[in-house]
Amino acid sequence: MRFAFADFLVDTDRRELSDRDGPIALQPQAFALLVFLIENSYRVVTKDEIFAAVWQGRIVGDGTLNARINAIRTAVGDDGTRQELVKTFPRQGFRFVANLNDGTSRGPATEQQGGKRKSVGILPFSNIGNDPEQAYFADGLTEDLITDISKFQDLFVIAMNTSFTFKGSSKGTIQIGREMGVAHVLEGSVRRAGGRIRINAQLVATEDGGSVWAERYDRDFNDIFAVQDDITPEITKALKANLRGDTIPSRAEAEVRVHMNYACAHAPYSSSFNPRLSQKAFLCWSRQSRLTQCIREPERNRYSLTNAVTHLDSQVSTMD
């Protein structure tokens, strides 16, 4: 693969950096680091990620990494003051910021390939208060969410190390999302009062800062791990549904549909008997029952019920 920027060309097959005058000498590790930065140019990469990718997890010091960064900058005519090609983000990592001349737009490769995968960055949940146990819970909840959501192959999730570099950041959500190179950002907060805990979560679109989804969860805070295990699947399901474009009826919507189905179910009995209308009445009653469950059951059960209601909707519509 070839990457062109400014007056330079990186050829990964030949493992060569060159300009108009020919090949430029570059140490193998520095070349591997340059390629890694270019491939991830849509976001800031952390030191841990670099150590894992370039040094395969071997223990090396910051001095070694800085020496390779300086070697790259020297090779492409950049330096630590200008940082026109490789930029340092203090306490966060590095990012390749030069414009690539290959016609591709900046952003995760997962979104450039026909938009088959959605991308999301999950920010550390804010701890509203000075309770250390609450802070521990907020970090644990964030880690669990990143782990669970990363299991869905059609969703691209920013790595945990990268997400936690933005903990306590004063930057806005849109700016963080753009630095991550993701289409959506999940943010939230944790607040405790006595034996109760409240978790607020919101999915924000990086493009315009619009709120795609938001929810509040209130729980008894008797066991920190039990609450964590209870909330994580709730948010995971909602996030997955909204990123994939699935629809989940709100309580108000479900109640309206219950009343509509009640009228639909009773309509056949106001006139003479008709087998087809009776079948439709049965389906309407079934749909009403599922919708009623959708209202009464906890959030975790609404998703399976929604699927059942959607199926019944399609059956009823074919009879109209």
C-alpha atoms as a PDB file:
ATOM      1  CA  MET A   1       0.000   0.000   0.000  1.00  0.00           C
ATOM      2  CA  ARG A   2       1.157   3.536  -0.734  1.00  0.00           C
ATOM      3  CA  PHE A   3       0.504   6.744   1.193  1.00  0.00           C
ATOM      4  CA  ALA A   4       1.362  10.122  -0.312  1.00  0.00           C
ATOM      5  CA  PHE A   5       1.611  13.353   1.669  1.00  0.00           C
ATOM      6  CA  ALA A   6       3.364  16.668   0.971  1.00  0.00           C
ATOM      7  CA  ASP A   7       6.362  15.680  -1.200  1.00  0.00           C
ATOM      8  CA  PHE A   8       6.711  12.229   0.346  1.00  0.00           C
ATOM      9  CA  LEU A   9       5.616   8.695  -0.492  1.00  0.00           C
ATOM     10  CA  VAL A  10       5.363   5.765   1.928  1.00  0.00           C
ATOM     11  CA  ASP A  11       5.420   2.326   0.281  1.00  0.00           C
ATOM     12  CA  THR A  12       4.518  -0.373   2.806  1.00  0.00           C
ATOM     13  CA  ASP A  13       5.291  -3.234   0.394  1.00  0.00           C
ATOM     14  CA  ARG A  14       8.832  -1.990  -0.172  1.00  0.00           C
ATOM     15  CA  ARG A  15       9.008  -0.621   3.375  1.00  0.00           C
ATOM     16  CA  GLU A  16      10.372   2.594   1.999  1.00  0.00           C
ATOM     17  CA  LEU A  17       9.973   6.328   2.573  1.00  0.00           C
ATOM     18  CA  SER A  18      10.941   8.476  -0.384  1.00  0.00           C
ATOM     19  CA  ASP A  19      10.692  11.994  -1.809  1.00  0.00           C
ATOM     20  CA  ARG A  20      11.418  13.469  -5.254  1.00  0.00           C
ATOM     21  CA  ASP A  21      15.127  12.824  -4.806  1.00  0.00           C
ATOM     22  CA  GLY A  22      14.722   9.150  -3.934  1.00  0.00           C
ATOM     23  CA  PRO A  23      14.612   6.900  -0.828  1.00  0.00           C
ATOM     24  CA  ILE A  24      15.092   8.396   2.639  1.00  0.00           C
ATOM     25  CA  ALA A  25      16.883   6.358   5.291  1.00  0.00           C
ATOM     26  CA  LEU A  26      14.627   5.496   8.223  1.00  0.00           C
ATOM     27  CA  GLN A  27      15.043   2.916  10.986  1.00  0.00           C
ATOM     28  CA  PRO A  28      12.680  -0.092  10.732  1.00  0.00           C
ATOM     29  CA  GLN A  29      10.901   0.763  14.001  1.00  0.00           C
ATOM     30  CA  ALA A  30      10.531   4.405  12.974  1.00  0.00           C
ATOM     31  CA  PHE A  31       9.105   3.311   9.613  1.00  0.00           C
ATOM     32  CA  ALA A  32       6.650   0.932  11.322  1.00  0.00           C
ATOM     33  CA  LEU A  33       5.640   3.755  13.674  1.00  0.00           C
ATOM     34  CA  LEU A  34       5.106   6.133  10.740  1.00  0.00           C
ATOM     35  CA  VAL A  35       2.854   3.616   8.967  1.00  0.00           C
ATOM     36  CA  PHE A  36       0.896   3.001  12.171  1.00  0.00           C
ATOM     37  CA  LEU A  37       0.348   6.743  12.665  1.00  0.00           C
ATOM     38  CA  ILE A  38      -0.767   7.199   9.047  1.00  0.00           C
ATOM     39  CA  GLU A  39      -3.186   4.261   9.186  1.00  0.00           C
ATOM     40  CA  ASN A  40      -4.726   5.774  12.324  1.00  0.00           C
ATOM     41  CA  SER A  41      -4.486   9.409  11.226  1.00  0.00           C
ATOM     42  CA  TYR A  42      -8.180   9.980  11.993  1.00  0.00           C
ATOM     43  CA  ARG A  43      -7.505   9.852  15.742  1.00  0.00           C
ATOM     44  CA  VAL A  44      -4.979  10.278  18.525  1.00  0.00           C
ATOM     45  CA  VAL A  45      -3.116   7.044  19.319  1.00  0.00           C
ATOM     46  CA  THR A  46      -1.828   6.415  22.828  1.00  0.00           C
ATOM     47  CA  LYS A  47       1.631   5.298  23.842  1.00  0.00           C
ATOM     48  CA  ASP A  48       0.269   1.926  24.929  1.00  0.00           C
ATOM     49  CA  GLU A  49      -1.229   1.370  21.486  1.00  0.00           C
ATOM     50  CA  ILE A  50       2.063   2.290  19.831  1.00  0.00           C
ATOM     51  CA  PHE A  51       4.053  -0.009  22.112  1.00  0.00           C
ATOM     52  CA  ALA A  52       1.656  -2.874  21.330  1.00  0.00           C
ATOM     53  CA  ALA A  53       1.689  -2.309  17.553  1.00  0.00           C
ATOM     54  CA  VAL A  54       5.338  -1.400  16.932  1.00  0.00           C
ATOM     55  CA  TRP A  55       7.170  -3.168  19.746  1.00  0.00           C
ATOM     56  CA  GLN A  56       4.675  -6.041  20.107  1.00  0.00           C
ATOM     57  CA  GLY A  57       4.246  -5.330  23.800  1.00  0.00           C
ATOM     58  CA  ARG A  58       7.955  -5.357  24.665  1.00  0.00           C
ATOM     59  CA  ILE A  59       8.831  -3.013  27.514  1.00  0.00           C
ATOM     60  CA  VAL A  60      10.496   0.132  26.193  1.00  0.00           C
ATOM     61  CA  GLY A  61      10.884   3.569  27.687  1.00  0.00           C
ATOM     62  CA  ASP A  62       9.382   6.880  26.625  1.00  0.00           C
ATOM     63  CA  GLY A  63      12.847   7.946  25.530  1.00  0.00           C
ATOM     64  CA  THR A  64      12.901   5.236  22.858  1.00  0.00           C
ATOM     65  CA  LEU A  65       9.488   6.272  21.561  1.00  0.00           C
ATOM     66  CA  ASN A  66      10.434   9.953  21.491  1.00  0.00           C
ATOM     67  CA  ALA A  67      13.619   9.114  19.610  1.00  0.00           C
ATOM     68  CA  ARG A  68      11.580   7.326  16.898  1.00  0.00           C
ATOM     69  CA  ILE A  69       9.129  10.235  16.698  1.00  0.00           C
ATOM     70  CA  ASN A  70      12.042  12.648  16.283  1.00  0.00           C
ATOM     71  CA  ALA A  71      13.556  10.400  13.600  1.00  0.00           C
ATOM     72  CA  ILE A  72      10.270  10.529  11.636  1.00  0.00           C
ATOM     73  CA  ARG A  73      10.053  14.311  11.970  1.00  0.00           C
ATOM     74  CA  THR A  74      13.651  14.747  10.826  1.00  0.00           C
ATOM     75  CA  ALA A  75      13.087  12.463   7.830  1.00  0.00           C
ATOM     76  CA  VAL A  76      10.065  14.460   6.611  1.00  0.00           C
ATOM     77  CA  GLY A  77      11.403  17.912   7.435  1.00  0.00           C
ATOM     78  CA  ASP A  78       9.270  18.427  10.540  1.00  0.00           C
ATOM     79  CA  ASP A  79      10.263  19.194  14.131  1.00  0.00           C
ATOM     80  CA  GLY A  80       8.842  19.258  17.645  1.00  0.00           C
ATOM     81  CA  THR A  81       8.091  22.970  17.467  1.00  0.00           C
ATOM     82  CA  ARG A  82       6.143  23.149  14.219  1.00  0.00           C
ATOM     83  CA  GLN A  83       4.593  19.666  14.385  1.00  0.00           C
ATOM     84  CA  GLU A  84       3.134  20.072  10.889  1.00  0.00           C
ATOM     85  CA  LEU A  85       3.060  16.335  10.120  1.00  0.00           C
ATOM     86  CA  VAL A  86       3.231  14.530  13.464  1.00  0.00           C
ATOM     87  CA  LYS A  87       1.572  16.261  16.402  1.00  0.00           C
ATOM     88  CA  THR A  88       2.059  15.502  20.087  1.00  0.00           C
ATOM     89  CA  PHE A  89      -0.974  15.615  22.372  1.00  0.00           C
ATOM     90  CA  PRO A  90       0.333  15.970  25.964  1.00  0.00           C
ATOM     91  CA  ARG A  91      -0.695  13.068  28.217  1.00  0.00           C
ATOM     92  CA  GLN A  92      -2.753  11.616  25.354  1.00  0.00           C
ATOM     93  CA  GLY A  93      -0.554  10.452  22.512  1.00  0.00           C
ATOM     94  CA  PHE A  94       0.345  11.291  18.925  1.00  0.00           C
ATOM     95  CA  ARG A  95      -1.475  11.901  15.679  1.00  0.00           C
ATOM     96  CA  PHE A  96      -0.421  12.114  12.027  1.00  0.00           C
ATOM     97  CA  VAL A  97      -1.993  15.416  10.912  1.00  0.00           C
ATOM     98  CA  ALA A  98      -0.658  15.880   7.363  1.00  0.00           C
ATOM     99  CA  ASN A  99      -3.136  15.739   4.501  1.00  0.00           C
ATOM    100  CA  LEU A 100      -2.935  12.499   2.541  1.00  0.00           C
ATOM    101  CA  ASN A 101      -2.816  12.961  -1.229  1.00  0.00           C
ATOM    102  CA  ASP A 102      -4.586   9.723  -2.099  1.00  0.00           C
ATOM    103  CA  GLY A 103      -8.090  11.212  -2.303  1.00  0.00           C
ATOM    104  CA  THR A 104      -9.380   9.403   0.760  1.00  0.00           C
ATOM    105  CA  SER A 105     -11.132  11.280   3.515  1.00  0.00           C
ATOM    106  CA  ARG A 106     -10.017  11.214   7.096  1.00  0.00           C
ATOM    107  CA  GLY A 107     -11.886   8.751   9.243  1.00  0.00           C
ATOM    108  CA  PRO A 108     -11.885   5.143  10.350  1.00  0.00           C
ATOM    109  CA  ALA A 109     -11.441   2.652   7.524  1.00  0.00           C
ATOM    110  CA  THR A 110     -14.458   0.866   8.908  1.00  0.00           C
ATOM    111  CA  GLU A 111     -16.671   3.815   7.902  1.00  0.00           C
ATOM    112  CA  GLN A 112     -15.024   4.421   4.545  1.00  0.00           C
ATOM    113  CA  GLN A 113     -15.948   1.006   3.223  1.00  0.00           C
ATOM    114  CA  GLY A 114     -19.551   1.599   2.244  1.00  0.00           C
ATOM    115  CA  GLY A 115     -20.533   2.683   5.755  1.00  0.00           C
ATOM    116  CA  LYS A 116     -21.025  -0.929   6.793  1.00  0.00           C
ATOM    117  CA  ARG A 117     -19.916  -0.273  10.363  1.00  0.00           C
ATOM    118  CA  LYS A 118     -20.893   2.518  12.686  1.00  0.00           C
ATOM    119  CA  SER A 119     -18.221   4.141  14.854  1.00  0.00           C
ATOM    120  CA  VAL A 120     -18.502   5.282  18.456  1.00  0.00           C
ATOM    121  CA  GLY A 121     -16.240   6.568  21.185  1.00  0.00           C
ATOM    122  CA  ILE A 122     -17.284   5.948  24.796  1.00  0.00           C
ATOM    123  CA  LEU A 123     -16.070   8.657  27.151  1.00  0.00           C
ATOM    124  CA  PRO A 124     -15.405   7.935  30.844  1.00  0.00           C
ATOM    125  CA  PHE A 125     -18.582   8.628  32.794  1.00  0.00           C
ATOM    126  CA  SER A 126     -18.331  11.741  34.969  1.00  0.00           C
ATOM    127  CA  ASN A 127     -18.396  11.345  38.732  1.00  0.00           C
ATOM    128  CA  ILE A 128     -20.685  14.021  40.191  1.00  0.00           C
ATOM    129  CA  GLY A 129     -19.447  14.157  43.763  1.00  0.00           C
ATOM    130  CA  ASN A 130     -16.337  13.312  45.744  1.00  0.00           C
ATOM    131  CA  ASP A 131     -17.231   9.722  46.641  1.00  0.00           C
ATOM    132  CA  PRO A 132     -14.233   7.457  45.717  1.00  0.00           C
ATOM    133  CA  GLU A 133     -16.499   4.414  45.486  1.00  0.00           C
ATOM    134  CA  GLN A 134     -18.701   6.295  43.033  1.00  0.00           C
ATOM    135  CA  ALA A 135     -15.638   7.208  40.926  1.00  0.00           C
ATOM    136  CA  TYR A 136     -14.609   3.555  40.926  1.00  0.00           C
ATOM    137  CA  PHE A 137     -18.108   2.626  39.793  1.00  0.00           C
ATOM    138  CA  ALA A 138     -18.098   5.223  36.975  1.00  0.00           C
ATOM    139  CA  ASP A 139     -14.767   3.960  35.590  1.00  0.00           C
ATOM    140  CA  GLY A 140     -15.862   0.342  35.880  1.00  0.00           C
ATOM    141  CA  LEU A 141     -19.123   1.082  34.072  1.00  0.00           C
ATOM    142  CA  THR A 142     -17.229   2.767  31.236  1.00  0.00           C
ATOM    143  CA  GLU A 143     -14.804  -0.160  30.923  1.00  0.00           C
ATOM    144  CA  ASP A 144     -17.644  -2.688  30.851  1.00  0.00           C
ATOM    145  CA  LEU A 145     -19.503  -0.710  28.184  1.00  0.00           C
ATOM    146  CA  ILE A 146     -16.426  -0.527  25.939  1.00  0.00           C
ATOM    147  CA  THR A 147     -15.801  -4.247  26.400  1.00  0.00           C
ATOM    148  CA  ASP A 148     -19.387  -5.322  25.706  1.00  0.00           C
ATOM    149  CA  ILE A 149     -20.048  -2.991  22.770  1.00  0.00           C
ATOM    150  CA  SER A 150     -16.745  -3.974  21.148  1.00  0.00           C
ATOM    151  CA  LYS A 151     -18.130  -7.511  20.780  1.00  0.00           C
ATOM    152  CA  PHE A 152     -20.536  -6.384  18.039  1.00  0.00           C
ATOM    153  CA  GLN A 153     -18.687  -6.862  14.768  1.00  0.00           C
ATOM    154  CA  ASP A 154     -20.713  -4.232  12.895  1.00  0.00           C
ATOM    155  CA  LEU A 155     -19.750  -1.507  15.387  1.00  0.00           C
ATOM    156  CA  PHE A 156     -16.319   0.148  15.513  1.00  0.00           C
ATOM    157  CA  VAL A 157     -15.445   1.164  19.083  1.00  0.00           C
ATOM    158  CA  ILE A 158     -12.489   3.310  20.108  1.00  0.00           C
ATOM    159  CA  ALA A 159     -10.034   1.445  22.349  1.00  0.00           C
ATOM    160  CA  MET A 160     -10.271   1.803  26.117  1.00  0.00           C
ATOM    161  CA  ASN A 161      -6.833   3.384  26.510  1.00  0.00           C
ATOM    162  CA  THR A 162      -7.686   6.073  23.979  1.00  0.00           C
ATOM    163  CA  SER A 163     -11.060   6.815  25.561  1.00  0.00           C
ATOM    164  CA  PHE A 164      -9.573   7.279  29.035  1.00  0.00           C
ATOM    165  CA  THR A 165      -7.070   9.861  27.774  1.00  0.00           C
ATOM    166  CA  PHE A 166     -10.074  12.215  27.577  1.00  0.00           C
ATOM    167  CA  LYS A 167     -11.109  11.656  31.192  1.00  0.00           C
ATOM    168  CA  GLY A 168     -11.747  15.019  32.808  1.00  0.00           C
ATOM    169  CA  SER A 169     -11.039  16.833  29.548  1.00  0.00           C
ATOM    170  CA  SER A 170     -12.412  20.355  29.151  1.00  0.00           C
ATOM    171  CA  LYS A 171     -12.883  19.808  25.412  1.00  0.00           C
ATOM    172  CA  GLY A 172     -16.384  19.673  23.984  1.00  0.00           C
ATOM    173  CA  THR A 173     -17.977  16.434  22.886  1.00  0.00           C
ATOM    174  CA  ILE A 174     -17.890  17.392  19.198  1.00  0.00           C
ATOM    175  CA  GLN A 175     -14.177  18.203  19.339  1.00  0.00           C
ATOM    176  CA  ILE A 176     -13.372  14.946  21.138  1.00  0.00           C
ATOM    177  CA  GLY A 177     -15.443  12.967  18.640  1.00  0.00           C
ATOM    178  CA  ARG A 178     -13.597  14.555  15.729  1.00  0.00           C
ATOM    179  CA  GLU A 179     -10.227  13.883  17.319  1.00  0.00           C
ATOM    180  CA  MET A 180     -11.271  10.272  17.808  1.00  0.00           C
ATOM    181  CA  GLY A 181     -12.526  10.158  14.217  1.00  0.00           C
ATOM    182  CA  VAL A 182     -15.894   8.669  15.156  1.00  0.00           C
ATOM    183  CA  ALA A 183     -19.455   9.463  14.096  1.00  0.00           C
ATOM    184  CA  HIS A 184     -20.908   9.192  17.606  1.00  0.00           C
ATOM    185  CA  VAL A 185     -19.798   9.735  21.183  1.00  0.00           C
ATOM    186  CA  LEU A 186     -21.413   8.225  24.278  1.00  0.00           C
ATOM    187  CA  GLU A 187     -21.096  10.352  27.406  1.00  0.00           C
ATOM    188  CA  GLY A 188     -22.667  10.048  30.808  1.00  0.00           C
ATOM    189  CA  SER A 189     -22.566  10.849  34.495  1.00  0.00           C
ATOM    190  CA  VAL A 190     -22.985   9.054  37.808  1.00  0.00           C
ATOM    191  CA  ARG A 191     -24.580  10.653  40.870  1.00  0.00           C
ATOM    192  CA  ARG A 192     -25.282   9.101  44.254  1.00  0.00           C
ATOM    193  CA  ALA A 193     -27.707  10.181  46.960  1.00  0.00           C
ATOM    194  CA  GLY A 194     -27.925   7.987  50.040  1.00  0.00           C
ATOM    195  CA  GLY A 195     -28.624   4.426  48.985  1.00  0.00           C
ATOM    196  CA  ARG A 196     -29.691   5.397  45.446  1.00  0.00           C
ATOM    197  CA  ILE A 197     -27.596   6.002  42.366  1.00  0.00           C
ATOM    198  CA  ARG A 198     -28.554   7.754  39.120  1.00  0.00           C
ATOM    199  CA  ILE A 199     -26.819   7.139  35.797  1.00  0.00           C
ATOM    200  CA  ASN A 200     -27.425   9.498  32.868  1.00  0.00           C
ATOM    201  CA  ALA A 201     -26.243   8.457  29.396  1.00  0.00           C
ATOM    202  CA  GLN A 202     -26.408  10.311  26.092  1.00  0.00           C
ATOM    203  CA  LEU A 203     -25.393   9.393  22.540  1.00  0.00           C
ATOM    204  CA  VAL A 204     -24.197  12.467  20.612  1.00  0.00           C
ATOM    205  CA  ALA A 205     -23.647  12.850  16.856  1.00  0.00           C
ATOM    206  CA  THR A 206     -20.167  14.239  16.180  1.00  0.00           C
ATOM    207  CA  GLU A 207     -21.261  15.963  12.976  1.00  0.00           C
ATOM    208  CA  ASP A 208     -23.686  18.449  14.537  1.00  0.00           C
ATOM    209  CA  GLY A 209     -23.700  17.729  18.271  1.00  0.00           C
ATOM    210  CA  GLY A 210     -27.299  16.516  18.171  1.00  0.00           C
ATOM    211  CA  SER A 211     -28.564  14.097  20.805  1.00  0.00           C
ATOM    212  CA  VAL A 212     -29.376  10.776  19.126  1.00  0.00           C
ATOM    213  CA  TRP A 213     -30.486   9.043  22.318  1.00  0.00           C
ATOM    214  CA  ALA A 214     -30.571   9.755  26.046  1.00  0.00           C
ATOM    215  CA  GLU A 215     -31.763   7.826  29.068  1.00  0.00           C
ATOM    216  CA  ARG A 216     -31.701   7.977  32.866  1.00  0.00           C
ATOM    217  CA  TYR A 217     -31.321   4.930  35.119  1.00  0.00           C
ATOM    218  CA  ASP A 218     -32.098   4.913  38.860  1.00  0.00           C
ATOM    219  CA  ARG A 219     -31.046   1.978  41.023  1.00  0.00           C
ATOM    220  CA  ASP A 220     -30.534   1.004  44.663  1.00  0.00           C
ATOM    221  CA  PHE A 221     -26.819   1.136  45.381  1.00  0.00           C
ATOM    222  CA  ASN A 222     -26.435  -1.863  47.642  1.00  0.00           C
ATOM    223  CA  ASP A 223     -23.859  -3.809  45.612  1.00  0.00           C
ATOM    224  CA  ILE A 224     -21.585  -1.894  43.247  1.00  0.00           C
ATOM    225  CA  PHE A 225     -20.955  -4.890  40.990  1.00  0.00           C
ATOM    226  CA  ALA A 226     -24.611  -5.911  40.884  1.00  0.00           C
ATOM    227  CA  VAL A 227     -25.662  -2.422  39.745  1.00  0.00           C
ATOM    228  CA  GLN A 228     -22.816  -2.354  37.204  1.00  0.00           C
ATOM    229  CA  ASP A 229     -23.882  -5.730  35.799  1.00  0.00           C
ATOM    230  CA  ASP A 230     -27.500  -4.537  35.682  1.00  0.00           C
ATOM    231  CA  ILE A 231     -26.907  -1.193  33.946  1.00  0.00           C
ATOM    232  CA  THR A 232     -24.251  -2.230  31.409  1.00  0.00           C
ATOM    233  CA  PRO A 233     -26.555  -4.474  29.299  1.00  0.00           C
ATOM    234  CA  GLU A 234     -29.283  -1.825  29.439  1.00  0.00           C
ATOM    235  CA  ILE A 235     -27.082   0.867  27.908  1.00  0.00           C
ATOM    236  CA  THR A 236     -25.410  -1.604  25.534  1.00  0.00           C
ATOM    237  CA  LYS A 237     -28.743  -2.690  24.048  1.00  0.00           C
ATOM    238  CA  ALA A 238     -30.009   0.867  23.692  1.00  0.00           C
ATOM    239  CA  LEU A 239     -26.749   2.059  22.137  1.00  0.00           C
ATOM    240  CA  LYS A 240     -26.645  -0.842  19.702  1.00  0.00           C
ATOM    241  CA  ALA A 241     -30.269  -0.281  18.696  1.00  0.00           C
ATOM    242  CA  ASN A 242     -29.777   3.444  18.065  1.00  0.00           C
ATOM    243  CA  LEU A 243     -26.527   3.044  16.143  1.00  0.00           C
ATOM    244  CA  ARG A 244     -28.096   0.381  13.957  1.00  0.00           C
ATOM    245  CA  GLY A 245     -31.229   2.449  13.424  1.00  0.00           C
ATOM    246  CA  ASP A 246     -33.580   0.052  15.224  1.00  0.00           C
ATOM    247  CA  THR A 247     -36.699   1.608  16.722  1.00  0.00           C
ATOM    248  CA  ILE A 248     -37.933   1.110  20.269  1.00  0.00           C
ATOM    249  CA  PRO A 249     -41.329   2.548  21.172  1.00  0.00           C
ATOM    250  CA  SER A 250     -41.450   4.970  24.063  1.00  0.00           C
ATOM    251  CA  ARG A 251     -43.971   4.445  26.849  1.00  0.00           C
ATOM    252  CA  ALA A 252     -46.238   7.146  25.411  1.00  0.00           C
ATOM    253  CA  GLU A 253     -46.077   5.660  21.910  1.00  0.00           C
ATOM    254  CA  ALA A 254     -46.824   2.199  23.262  1.00  0.00           C
ATOM    255  CA  GLU A 255     -49.851   3.451  25.213  1.00  0.00           C
ATOM    256  CA  VAL A 256     -51.314   5.145  22.123  1.00  0.00           C
ATOM    257  CA  ARG A 257     -50.866   1.962  20.108  1.00  0.00           C
ATOM    258  CA  VAL A 258     -52.564  -0.080  22.854  1.00  0.00           C
ATOM    259  CA  HIS A 259     -55.691   2.070  22.590  1.00  0.00           C
ATOM    260  CA  MET A 260     -55.642   1.866  18.786  1.00  0.00           C
ATOM    261  CA  ASN A 261     -55.400  -1.914  18.897  1.00  0.00           C
ATOM    262  CA  TYR A 262     -58.159  -2.114  21.479  1.00  0.00           C
ATOM    263  CA  ALA A 263     -60.470  -0.298  19.044  1.00  0.00           C
ATOM    264  CA  CYS A 264     -59.249  -2.487  16.190  1.00  0.00           C
ATOM    265  CA  ALA A 265     -59.931  -5.655  18.155  1.00  0.00           C
ATOM    266  CA  HIS A 266     -63.493  -4.627  19.072  1.00  0.00           C
ATOM    267  CA  ALA A 267     -64.485  -3.385  15.628  1.00  0.00           C
ATOM    268  CA  PRO A 268     -65.338  -6.834  14.142  1.00  0.00           C
ATOM    269  CA  TYR A 269     -67.899  -7.531  16.893  1.00  0.00           C
ATOM    270  CA  SER A 270     -69.903  -4.384  16.149  1.00  0.00           C
ATOM    271  CA  SER A 271     -71.134  -5.903  12.870  1.00  0.00           C
ATOM    272  CA  SER A 272     -72.015  -9.312  11.470  1.00  0.00           C
ATOM    273  CA  PHE A 273     -69.561 -12.186  11.889  1.00  0.00           C
ATOM    274  CA  ASN A 274     -66.709 -12.276   9.383  1.00  0.00           C
ATOM    275  CA  PRO A 275     -63.922 -14.921   9.686  1.00  0.00           C
ATOM    276  CA  ARG A 276     -61.289 -12.598   8.225  1.00  0.00           C
ATOM    277  CA  LEU A 277     -62.187  -9.811  10.646  1.00  0.00           C
ATOM    278  CA  SER A 278     -62.131 -12.286  13.525  1.00  0.00           C
ATOM    279  CA  GLN A 279     -58.588 -13.352  12.591  1.00  0.00           C
ATOM    280  CA  LYS A 280     -57.550  -9.718  12.453  1.00  0.00           C
ATOM    281  CA  ALA A 281     -59.181  -9.135  15.836  1.00  0.00           C
ATOM    282  CA  PHE A 282     -57.139 -11.994  17.323  1.00  0.00           C
ATOM    283  CA  LEU A 283     -53.920 -10.485  15.968  1.00  0.00           C
ATOM    284  CA  CYS A 284     -54.882  -7.079  17.339  1.00  0.00           C
ATOM    285  CA  TRP A 285     -55.530  -8.567  20.776  1.00  0.00           C
ATOM    286  CA  SER A 286     -52.134 -10.296  20.635  1.00  0.00           C
ATOM    287  CA  ARG A 287     -50.434  -7.080  19.666  1.00  0.00           C
ATOM    288  CA  GLN A 288     -52.218  -5.192  22.432  1.00  0.00           C
ATOM    289  CA  SER A 289     -51.059  -7.753  24.982  1.00  0.00           C
ATOM    290  CA  ARG A 290     -47.427  -7.412  23.862  1.00  0.00           C
ATOM    291  CA  LEU A 291     -47.650  -3.617  23.897  1.00  0.00           C
ATOM    292  CA  THR A 292     -49.061  -3.692  27.414  1.00  0.00           C
ATOM    293  CA  GLN A 293     -46.087  -5.837  28.451  1.00  0.00           C
ATOM    294  CA  CYS A 294     -43.812  -3.366  26.707  1.00  0.00           C
ATOM    295  CA  ILE A 295     -45.132  -0.674  29.044  1.00  0.00           C
ATOM    296  CA  ARG A 296     -45.100  -2.678  32.275  1.00  0.00           C
ATOM    297  CA  GLU A 297     -41.924  -4.714  31.898  1.00  0.00           C
ATOM    298  CA  PRO A 298     -38.471  -3.361  32.795  1.00  0.00           C
ATOM    299  CA  GLU A 299     -36.395  -1.795  30.041  1.00  0.00           C
ATOM    300  CA  ARG A 300     -34.363  -4.946  29.488  1.00  0.00           C
ATOM    301  CA  ASN A 301     -37.383  -6.872  28.167  1.00  0.00           C
ATOM    302  CA  ARG A 302     -38.740  -4.188  25.840  1.00  0.00           C
ATOM    303  CA  TYR A 303     -36.390  -5.066  22.992  1.00  0.00           C
ATOM    304  CA  SER A 304     -37.608  -8.646  22.531  1.00  0.00           C
ATOM    305  CA  LEU A 305     -41.190  -7.473  22.947  1.00  0.00           C
ATOM    306  CA  THR A 306     -40.642  -4.796  20.312  1.00  0.00           C
ATOM    307  CA  ASN A 307     -39.512  -7.435  17.823  1.00  0.00           C
ATOM    308  CA  ALA A 308     -42.663  -9.464  18.503  1.00  0.00           C
ATOM    309  CA  VAL A 309     -44.863  -6.382  18.074  1.00  0.00           C
ATOM    310  CA  THR A 310     -43.164  -5.533  14.778  1.00  0.00           C
ATOM    311  CA  HIS A 311     -43.914  -9.035  13.499  1.00  0.00           C
ATOM    312  CA  LEU A 312     -47.567  -8.744  14.525  1.00  0.00           C
ATOM    313  CA  ASP A 313     -47.760  -5.314  12.863  1.00  0.00           C
ATOM    314  CA  SER A 314     -46.690  -6.823   9.557  1.00  0.00           C
ATOM    315  CA  GLN A 315     -49.294  -9.594   9.875  1.00  0.00           C
ATOM    316  CA  VAL A 316     -52.093  -7.135  10.590  1.00  0.00           C
ATOM    317  CA  SER A 317     -51.054  -4.807   7.749  1.00  0.00           C
ATOM    318  CA  THR A 318     -51.376  -7.630   5.220  1.00  0.00           C
ATOM    319  CA  MET A 319     -55.039  -7.989   6.195  1.00  0.00           C
ATOM    320  CA  ASP A 320     -55.938  -4.343   5.598  1.00  0.00           C
END
